[in-house]
Amino acid sequence: MKKIILILASLSLLAVIFSPLLVAAGKAPDCCKLSRDIELDEVTYKSGFFVGEINCDGKITADCPTTGSTTANCAVKTWGLLCLLNATYNITDWIFTFAMAFVGVMVILGAFTLVTAAGSPEKLKKGEDYILYAAIGMLAALLSKAVPSIVKSFLG
């Protein structure tokens, strides 16, 4: 057992030491594809288009407009912020989806516990707690939808 722990610790240490090499092997991106509409500095960047530097693998050939909305792939100086906001939106959307699914499971579990309590005070309390914690989780999930706006206000 001690040999296995020593081997796992050694492999973990090697992984931590050599992981920067894997990161350095990749080329820094010059652009990103937006998965949703993002409004920044009076310009709406449409989903499905690429934003970044000119000649990003041949995808971008013109500058973005300074007002209005984009109608094609375009180059913009703040493309890094747009890509960060796009990633933040995607992450918070997934967190929200999983959190709401978990809230649904907790409400069902709480309701099942209440229905099958058969007058037991500790089971009633446990079922009520499940539903209370589900409500708190739902509030936290709703607050996670505000994270991109907070990031946008700090960075933009």
N, C-alpha and C. Protein backbone atom coordinates (compact mmCIF):
# COMPACT_ATOMS: atom_id res chain seq x y z
N MET A 1 0.82 -1.19 0.00
CA MET A 1 0.00 0.00 0.00
C MET A 1 0.87 1.26 0.00
N LYS A 2 1.97 1.23 0.76
CA LYS A 2 2.84 2.39 0.82
C LYS A 2 3.52 2.64 -0.53
N LYS A 3 3.83 1.54 -1.27
CA LYS A 3 4.45 1.70 -2.58
C LYS A 3 3.49 2.38 -3.56
N ILE A 4 2.22 2.01 -3.49
CA ILE A 4 1.24 2.60 -4.39
C ILE A 4 1.09 4.09 -4.11
N ILE A 5 1.04 4.45 -2.85
CA ILE A 5 0.93 5.87 -2.48
C ILE A 5 2.16 6.63 -2.94
N LEU A 6 3.34 6.05 -2.77
CA LEU A 6 4.59 6.68 -3.20
C LEU A 6 4.60 6.85 -4.72
N ILE A 7 4.17 5.84 -5.45
CA ILE A 7 4.13 5.92 -6.91
C ILE A 7 3.13 6.98 -7.36
N LEU A 8 1.95 7.01 -6.77
CA LEU A 8 0.95 8.02 -7.13
C LEU A 8 1.43 9.43 -6.80
N ALA A 9 2.08 9.59 -5.67
CA ALA A 9 2.62 10.91 -5.31
C ALA A 9 3.70 11.33 -6.30
N SER A 10 4.56 10.40 -6.69
CA SER A 10 5.62 10.72 -7.66
C SER A 10 5.03 11.10 -9.01
N LEU A 11 4.05 10.34 -9.48
CA LEU A 11 3.42 10.65 -10.76
C LEU A 11 2.69 12.00 -10.71
N SER A 12 2.07 12.29 -9.59
CA SER A 12 1.39 13.58 -9.44
C SER A 12 2.39 14.73 -9.48
N LEU A 13 3.52 14.55 -8.81
CA LEU A 13 4.56 15.58 -8.82
C LEU A 13 5.10 15.79 -10.22
N LEU A 14 5.35 14.71 -10.94
CA LEU A 14 5.83 14.83 -12.32
C LEU A 14 4.80 15.52 -13.21
N ALA A 15 3.54 15.20 -13.02
CA ALA A 15 2.49 15.84 -13.81
C ALA A 15 2.44 17.34 -13.55
N VAL A 16 2.60 17.73 -12.30
CA VAL A 16 2.59 19.16 -11.97
C VAL A 16 3.82 19.85 -12.54
N ILE A 17 4.95 19.19 -12.49
CA ILE A 17 6.19 19.79 -12.99
C ILE A 17 6.15 19.96 -14.51
N PHE A 18 5.64 18.97 -15.23
CA PHE A 18 5.69 19.00 -16.69
C PHE A 18 4.44 19.55 -17.36
N SER A 19 3.40 19.89 -16.61
CA SER A 19 2.19 20.43 -17.24
C SER A 19 2.41 21.77 -17.93
N PRO A 20 3.31 22.65 -17.45
CA PRO A 20 3.54 23.88 -18.21
C PRO A 20 4.09 23.64 -19.61
N LEU A 21 4.79 22.54 -19.82
CA LEU A 21 5.29 22.22 -21.15
C LEU A 21 4.13 21.97 -22.11
N LEU A 22 3.10 21.32 -21.64
CA LEU A 22 1.94 21.07 -22.49
C LEU A 22 1.23 22.37 -22.85
N VAL A 23 1.16 23.28 -21.91
CA VAL A 23 0.51 24.55 -22.16
C VAL A 23 1.34 25.38 -23.13
N ALA A 24 2.64 25.38 -22.97
CA ALA A 24 3.52 26.16 -23.84
C ALA A 24 3.57 25.60 -25.25
N ALA A 25 3.20 24.34 -25.43
CA ALA A 25 3.25 23.73 -26.75
C ALA A 25 2.16 24.28 -27.67
N GLY A 26 1.09 24.79 -27.11
CA GLY A 26 0.00 25.32 -27.92
C GLY A 26 0.25 26.75 -28.33
N LYS A 27 -0.26 27.10 -29.52
CA LYS A 27 -0.13 28.46 -30.03
C LYS A 27 -1.25 29.31 -29.42
N ALA A 28 -0.92 30.52 -29.04
CA ALA A 28 -1.94 31.42 -28.49
C ALA A 28 -2.95 31.74 -29.58
N PRO A 29 -4.23 31.76 -29.25
CA PRO A 29 -5.24 32.02 -30.28
C PRO A 29 -5.20 33.47 -30.75
N ASP A 30 -5.53 33.67 -32.01
CA ASP A 30 -5.60 35.00 -32.58
C ASP A 30 -7.04 35.48 -32.72
N CYS A 31 -7.99 34.57 -32.48
CA CYS A 31 -9.39 34.93 -32.62
C CYS A 31 -10.25 33.88 -31.91
N CYS A 32 -11.54 34.15 -31.85
CA CYS A 32 -12.47 33.16 -31.30
C CYS A 32 -13.82 33.31 -32.00
N LYS A 33 -14.59 32.24 -31.95
CA LYS A 33 -15.93 32.25 -32.54
C LYS A 33 -16.93 32.50 -31.42
N LEU A 34 -17.75 33.51 -31.59
CA LEU A 34 -18.73 33.87 -30.57
C LEU A 34 -19.91 32.91 -30.62
N SER A 35 -20.34 32.47 -29.46
CA SER A 35 -21.48 31.55 -29.40
C SER A 35 -22.77 32.26 -29.01
N ARG A 36 -22.70 33.56 -28.78
CA ARG A 36 -23.90 34.34 -28.47
C ARG A 36 -23.64 35.80 -28.81
N ASP A 37 -24.69 36.59 -28.93
CA ASP A 37 -24.54 38.02 -29.21
C ASP A 37 -23.97 38.71 -27.97
N ILE A 38 -22.95 39.54 -28.20
CA ILE A 38 -22.33 40.29 -27.10
C ILE A 38 -22.30 41.76 -27.49
N GLU A 39 -22.78 42.61 -26.60
CA GLU A 39 -22.75 44.05 -26.85
C GLU A 39 -21.63 44.66 -26.02
N LEU A 40 -20.76 45.41 -26.70
CA LEU A 40 -19.62 46.05 -26.04
C LEU A 40 -19.31 47.35 -26.76
N ASP A 41 -19.25 48.44 -26.03
CA ASP A 41 -18.93 49.76 -26.59
C ASP A 41 -19.84 50.13 -27.76
N GLU A 42 -21.13 50.00 -27.58
CA GLU A 42 -22.15 50.38 -28.56
C GLU A 42 -22.10 49.55 -29.84
N VAL A 43 -21.41 48.43 -29.82
CA VAL A 43 -21.38 47.53 -30.97
C VAL A 43 -21.89 46.17 -30.52
N THR A 44 -22.78 45.60 -31.31
CA THR A 44 -23.28 44.26 -31.02
C THR A 44 -22.55 43.28 -31.92
N TYR A 45 -21.82 42.37 -31.31
CA TYR A 45 -21.09 41.34 -32.04
C TYR A 45 -21.99 40.11 -32.09
N LYS A 46 -22.34 39.68 -33.30
CA LYS A 46 -23.32 38.61 -33.48
C LYS A 46 -22.70 37.24 -33.24
N SER A 47 -23.53 36.31 -32.79
CA SER A 47 -23.06 34.95 -32.55
C SER A 47 -22.76 34.27 -33.89
N GLY A 48 -21.81 33.34 -33.84
CA GLY A 48 -21.43 32.60 -35.04
C GLY A 48 -20.30 33.24 -35.81
N PHE A 49 -19.98 34.50 -35.51
CA PHE A 49 -18.90 35.18 -36.22
C PHE A 49 -17.60 35.10 -35.43
N PHE A 50 -16.49 35.24 -36.14
CA PHE A 50 -15.18 35.26 -35.52
C PHE A 50 -14.79 36.70 -35.25
N VAL A 51 -14.18 36.94 -34.08
CA VAL A 51 -13.58 38.24 -33.78
C VAL A 51 -12.13 37.98 -33.39
N GLY A 52 -11.26 38.91 -33.73
CA GLY A 52 -9.85 38.73 -33.39
C GLY A 52 -8.98 39.67 -34.18
N GLU A 53 -7.78 39.22 -34.47
CA GLU A 53 -6.84 40.02 -35.25
C GLU A 53 -7.05 39.74 -36.73
N ILE A 54 -6.58 40.67 -37.56
CA ILE A 54 -6.71 40.48 -39.01
C ILE A 54 -5.89 39.25 -39.42
N ASN A 55 -6.39 38.52 -40.39
CA ASN A 55 -5.76 37.30 -40.92
C ASN A 55 -5.64 36.21 -39.86
N CYS A 56 -6.66 36.01 -39.10
CA CYS A 56 -6.71 34.91 -38.15
C CYS A 56 -7.04 33.65 -38.93
N ASP A 57 -6.03 32.97 -39.41
CA ASP A 57 -6.19 31.77 -40.24
C ASP A 57 -7.09 32.04 -41.44
N GLY A 58 -7.03 33.24 -41.97
CA GLY A 58 -7.83 33.60 -43.14
C GLY A 58 -9.30 33.83 -42.87
N LYS A 59 -9.70 33.83 -41.60
CA LYS A 59 -11.12 33.98 -41.27
C LYS A 59 -11.53 35.45 -41.19
N ILE A 60 -10.58 36.33 -40.88
CA ILE A 60 -10.91 37.74 -40.65
C ILE A 60 -10.16 38.59 -41.66
N THR A 61 -10.91 39.41 -42.40
CA THR A 61 -10.28 40.23 -43.43
C THR A 61 -10.57 41.72 -43.28
N ALA A 62 -11.49 42.12 -42.41
CA ALA A 62 -11.86 43.53 -42.28
C ALA A 62 -11.99 43.92 -40.82
N ASP A 63 -11.96 45.23 -40.57
CA ASP A 63 -12.15 45.75 -39.22
C ASP A 63 -13.63 45.78 -38.87
N CYS A 64 -13.91 45.69 -37.57
CA CYS A 64 -15.30 45.75 -37.09
C CYS A 64 -15.80 47.19 -37.14
N PRO A 65 -17.11 47.38 -37.29
CA PRO A 65 -17.65 48.74 -37.23
C PRO A 65 -17.54 49.29 -35.81
N THR A 66 -17.56 50.62 -35.70
CA THR A 66 -17.44 51.23 -34.37
C THR A 66 -18.80 51.45 -33.72
N THR A 67 -19.88 51.35 -34.47
CA THR A 67 -21.24 51.41 -33.92
C THR A 67 -22.12 50.45 -34.69
N GLY A 68 -23.28 50.16 -34.14
CA GLY A 68 -24.21 49.27 -34.82
C GLY A 68 -23.96 47.82 -34.45
N SER A 69 -23.96 46.95 -35.47
CA SER A 69 -23.73 45.54 -35.21
C SER A 69 -22.88 44.94 -36.31
N THR A 70 -22.20 43.87 -35.98
CA THR A 70 -21.34 43.20 -36.95
C THR A 70 -22.19 42.33 -37.86
N THR A 71 -21.79 42.25 -39.11
CA THR A 71 -22.50 41.39 -40.05
C THR A 71 -21.60 40.31 -40.62
N ALA A 72 -20.34 40.30 -40.20
CA ALA A 72 -19.41 39.28 -40.70
C ALA A 72 -18.25 39.18 -39.72
N ASN A 73 -17.33 38.27 -40.02
CA ASN A 73 -16.12 38.14 -39.21
C ASN A 73 -15.34 39.44 -39.31
N CYS A 74 -14.83 39.92 -38.18
CA CYS A 74 -14.14 41.20 -38.22
C CYS A 74 -13.06 41.29 -37.15
N ALA A 75 -12.12 42.21 -37.38
CA ALA A 75 -11.02 42.44 -36.45
C ALA A 75 -11.39 43.59 -35.51
N VAL A 76 -11.05 43.43 -34.24
CA VAL A 76 -11.34 44.45 -33.24
C VAL A 76 -10.23 44.39 -32.19
N LYS A 77 -9.88 45.55 -31.63
CA LYS A 77 -8.80 45.60 -30.64
C LYS A 77 -9.18 44.89 -29.35
N THR A 78 -10.44 44.91 -28.99
CA THR A 78 -10.89 44.31 -27.72
C THR A 78 -11.36 42.87 -27.90
N TRP A 79 -10.78 42.16 -28.86
CA TRP A 79 -11.25 40.80 -29.12
C TRP A 79 -10.97 39.87 -27.94
N GLY A 80 -9.91 40.13 -27.18
CA GLY A 80 -9.62 39.30 -26.01
C GLY A 80 -10.72 39.40 -24.97
N LEU A 81 -11.23 40.61 -24.75
CA LEU A 81 -12.33 40.80 -23.81
C LEU A 81 -13.60 40.13 -24.33
N LEU A 82 -13.84 40.23 -25.63
CA LEU A 82 -15.01 39.56 -26.21
C LEU A 82 -14.93 38.05 -26.03
N CYS A 83 -13.74 37.49 -26.25
CA CYS A 83 -13.57 36.05 -26.09
C CYS A 83 -13.71 35.65 -24.62
N LEU A 84 -13.21 36.48 -23.70
CA LEU A 84 -13.36 36.21 -22.27
C LEU A 84 -14.84 36.25 -21.87
N LEU A 85 -15.56 37.25 -22.34
CA LEU A 85 -16.99 37.33 -22.04
C LEU A 85 -17.75 36.14 -22.63
N ASN A 86 -17.37 35.74 -23.85
CA ASN A 86 -18.01 34.60 -24.48
C ASN A 86 -17.80 33.33 -23.65
N ALA A 87 -16.56 33.12 -23.20
CA ALA A 87 -16.26 31.95 -22.37
C ALA A 87 -17.00 32.02 -21.03
N THR A 88 -17.06 33.22 -20.44
CA THR A 88 -17.76 33.39 -19.17
C THR A 88 -19.25 33.09 -19.32
N TYR A 89 -19.85 33.58 -20.41
CA TYR A 89 -21.26 33.27 -20.67
C TYR A 89 -21.47 31.76 -20.81
N ASN A 90 -20.58 31.09 -21.56
CA ASN A 90 -20.73 29.64 -21.75
C ASN A 90 -20.63 28.89 -20.43
N ILE A 91 -19.64 29.25 -19.62
CA ILE A 91 -19.44 28.56 -18.34
C ILE A 91 -20.63 28.78 -17.41
N THR A 92 -21.10 30.02 -17.32
CA THR A 92 -22.23 30.29 -16.42
C THR A 92 -23.52 29.65 -16.94
N ASP A 93 -23.66 29.53 -18.25
CA ASP A 93 -24.83 28.83 -18.79
C ASP A 93 -24.83 27.36 -18.38
N TRP A 94 -23.66 26.72 -18.45
CA TRP A 94 -23.57 25.30 -18.05
C TRP A 94 -23.77 25.14 -16.55
N ILE A 95 -23.18 26.03 -15.76
CA ILE A 95 -23.38 25.97 -14.31
C ILE A 95 -24.86 26.13 -13.98
N PHE A 96 -25.52 27.07 -14.64
CA PHE A 96 -26.94 27.30 -14.40
C PHE A 96 -27.76 26.06 -14.77
N THR A 97 -27.44 25.44 -15.90
CA THR A 97 -28.18 24.25 -16.34
C THR A 97 -28.05 23.11 -15.34
N PHE A 98 -26.80 22.83 -14.92
CA PHE A 98 -26.59 21.74 -13.96
C PHE A 98 -27.19 22.08 -12.60
N ALA A 99 -27.08 23.33 -12.18
CA ALA A 99 -27.64 23.72 -10.89
C ALA A 99 -29.16 23.59 -10.89
N MET A 100 -29.81 23.99 -11.96
CA MET A 100 -31.27 23.88 -12.01
C MET A 100 -31.71 22.41 -12.04
N ALA A 101 -30.94 21.57 -12.72
CA ALA A 101 -31.26 20.13 -12.71
C ALA A 101 -31.11 19.57 -11.30
N PHE A 102 -30.06 19.99 -10.61
CA PHE A 102 -29.83 19.53 -9.24
C PHE A 102 -30.93 20.04 -8.31
N VAL A 103 -31.37 21.28 -8.52
CA VAL A 103 -32.47 21.84 -7.72
C VAL A 103 -33.72 21.00 -7.91
N GLY A 104 -34.01 20.63 -9.14
CA GLY A 104 -35.18 19.79 -9.40
C GLY A 104 -35.10 18.45 -8.68
N VAL A 105 -33.93 17.83 -8.71
CA VAL A 105 -33.74 16.55 -8.02
C VAL A 105 -33.93 16.73 -6.51
N MET A 106 -33.39 17.80 -5.96
CA MET A 106 -33.51 18.03 -4.52
C MET A 106 -34.96 18.30 -4.11
N VAL A 107 -35.71 19.02 -4.93
CA VAL A 107 -37.12 19.26 -4.62
C VAL A 107 -37.90 17.95 -4.66
N ILE A 108 -37.63 17.14 -5.67
CA ILE A 108 -38.31 15.83 -5.75
C ILE A 108 -37.95 14.96 -4.55
N LEU A 109 -36.67 14.96 -4.18
CA LEU A 109 -36.23 14.17 -3.02
C LEU A 109 -36.89 14.68 -1.73
N GLY A 110 -36.96 16.01 -1.58
CA GLY A 110 -37.61 16.58 -0.41
C GLY A 110 -39.09 16.26 -0.37
N ALA A 111 -39.75 16.35 -1.52
CA ALA A 111 -41.18 16.02 -1.57
C ALA A 111 -41.41 14.55 -1.27
N PHE A 112 -40.56 13.68 -1.80
CA PHE A 112 -40.69 12.25 -1.52
C PHE A 112 -40.49 11.97 -0.03
N THR A 113 -39.52 12.64 0.57
CA THR A 113 -39.27 12.45 2.00
C THR A 113 -40.46 12.93 2.82
N LEU A 114 -41.07 14.05 2.42
CA LEU A 114 -42.25 14.55 3.13
C LEU A 114 -43.43 13.59 3.00
N VAL A 115 -43.63 13.07 1.79
CA VAL A 115 -44.78 12.19 1.56
C VAL A 115 -44.63 10.88 2.31
N THR A 116 -43.41 10.38 2.39
CA THR A 116 -43.18 9.08 3.05
C THR A 116 -42.78 9.22 4.51
N ALA A 117 -42.94 10.40 5.09
CA ALA A 117 -42.52 10.62 6.47
C ALA A 117 -43.37 9.85 7.47
N ALA A 118 -44.60 9.62 7.16
CA ALA A 118 -45.53 8.88 8.04
C ALA A 118 -45.59 9.48 9.44
N GLY A 119 -45.56 10.81 9.51
CA GLY A 119 -45.69 11.47 10.80
C GLY A 119 -44.40 11.59 11.59
N SER A 120 -43.31 11.09 11.07
CA SER A 120 -42.02 11.16 11.78
C SER A 120 -41.49 12.60 11.72
N PRO A 121 -41.30 13.25 12.89
CA PRO A 121 -40.84 14.64 12.89
C PRO A 121 -39.46 14.82 12.25
N GLU A 122 -38.56 13.84 12.45
CA GLU A 122 -37.22 14.02 11.88
C GLU A 122 -37.25 13.89 10.35
N LYS A 123 -38.13 13.03 9.81
CA LYS A 123 -38.25 12.92 8.35
C LYS A 123 -38.92 14.17 7.77
N LEU A 124 -39.91 14.71 8.49
CA LEU A 124 -40.54 15.95 8.04
C LEU A 124 -39.51 17.09 7.98
N LYS A 125 -38.70 17.20 9.02
CA LYS A 125 -37.67 18.23 9.07
C LYS A 125 -36.66 18.03 7.94
N LYS A 126 -36.28 16.77 7.69
CA LYS A 126 -35.31 16.46 6.64
C LYS A 126 -35.87 16.84 5.26
N GLY A 127 -37.14 16.53 5.01
CA GLY A 127 -37.77 16.88 3.74
C GLY A 127 -37.87 18.39 3.55
N GLU A 128 -38.23 19.10 4.62
CA GLU A 128 -38.29 20.56 4.55
C GLU A 128 -36.91 21.14 4.29
N ASP A 129 -35.89 20.57 4.92
CA ASP A 129 -34.53 21.05 4.70
C ASP A 129 -34.09 20.85 3.25
N TYR A 130 -34.44 19.69 2.66
CA TYR A 130 -34.11 19.45 1.25
C TYR A 130 -34.70 20.56 0.37
N ILE A 131 -35.95 20.88 0.61
CA ILE A 131 -36.61 21.89 -0.21
C ILE A 131 -36.02 23.28 0.06
N LEU A 132 -35.70 23.58 1.32
CA LEU A 132 -35.08 24.86 1.65
C LEU A 132 -33.72 24.99 0.97
N TYR A 133 -32.91 23.95 1.03
CA TYR A 133 -31.59 23.99 0.39
C TYR A 133 -31.72 24.08 -1.13
N ALA A 134 -32.75 23.47 -1.69
CA ALA A 134 -32.99 23.58 -3.13
C ALA A 134 -33.32 25.02 -3.50
N ALA A 135 -34.10 25.69 -2.66
CA ALA A 135 -34.44 27.10 -2.92
C ALA A 135 -33.19 27.98 -2.83
N ILE A 136 -32.34 27.71 -1.86
CA ILE A 136 -31.09 28.47 -1.73
C ILE A 136 -30.20 28.20 -2.95
N GLY A 137 -30.15 26.95 -3.39
CA GLY A 137 -29.37 26.61 -4.58
C GLY A 137 -29.91 27.29 -5.83
N MET A 138 -31.23 27.42 -5.92
CA MET A 138 -31.81 28.10 -7.07
C MET A 138 -31.43 29.57 -7.07
N LEU A 139 -31.42 30.20 -5.90
CA LEU A 139 -30.99 31.60 -5.82
C LEU A 139 -29.53 31.75 -6.23
N ALA A 140 -28.68 30.83 -5.80
CA ALA A 140 -27.27 30.87 -6.19
C ALA A 140 -27.13 30.68 -7.70
N ALA A 141 -27.92 29.80 -8.28
CA ALA A 141 -27.87 29.58 -9.73
C ALA A 141 -28.32 30.83 -10.48
N LEU A 142 -29.35 31.49 -9.97
CA LEU A 142 -29.80 32.72 -10.62
C LEU A 142 -28.75 33.82 -10.51
N LEU A 143 -28.04 33.87 -9.38
CA LEU A 143 -26.96 34.85 -9.24
C LEU A 143 -25.81 34.56 -10.19
N SER A 144 -25.60 33.28 -10.53
CA SER A 144 -24.51 32.95 -11.45
C SER A 144 -24.77 33.52 -12.84
N LYS A 145 -26.03 33.75 -13.18
CA LYS A 145 -26.34 34.37 -14.46
C LYS A 145 -25.91 35.83 -14.50
N ALA A 146 -25.66 36.44 -13.34
CA ALA A 146 -25.23 37.83 -13.28
C ALA A 146 -23.72 37.98 -13.40
N VAL A 147 -22.98 36.89 -13.31
CA VAL A 147 -21.51 36.96 -13.34
C VAL A 147 -20.98 37.62 -14.60
N PRO A 148 -21.45 37.28 -15.82
CA PRO A 148 -20.91 37.96 -17.00
C PRO A 148 -21.11 39.47 -16.98
N SER A 149 -22.24 39.92 -16.47
CA SER A 149 -22.46 41.37 -16.38
C SER A 149 -21.50 42.01 -15.40
N ILE A 150 -21.20 41.32 -14.31
CA ILE A 150 -20.24 41.84 -13.33
C ILE A 150 -18.85 41.90 -13.95
N VAL A 151 -18.45 40.85 -14.66
CA VAL A 151 -17.14 40.84 -15.33
C VAL A 151 -17.08 41.95 -16.35
N LYS A 152 -18.15 42.14 -17.10
CA LYS A 152 -18.20 43.18 -18.12
C LYS A 152 -18.06 44.57 -17.50
N SER A 153 -18.69 44.79 -16.35
CA SER A 153 -18.60 46.11 -15.71
C SER A 153 -17.21 46.37 -15.15
N PHE A 154 -16.52 45.32 -14.68
CA PHE A 154 -15.17 45.51 -14.16
C PHE A 154 -14.15 45.70 -15.28
N LEU A 155 -14.29 44.96 -16.37
CA LEU A 155 -13.28 44.97 -17.42
C LEU A 155 -13.60 45.91 -18.57
N GLY A 156 -14.86 46.22 -18.77
CA GLY A 156 -15.23 47.02 -19.94
C GLY A 156 -15.61 48.38 -19.53
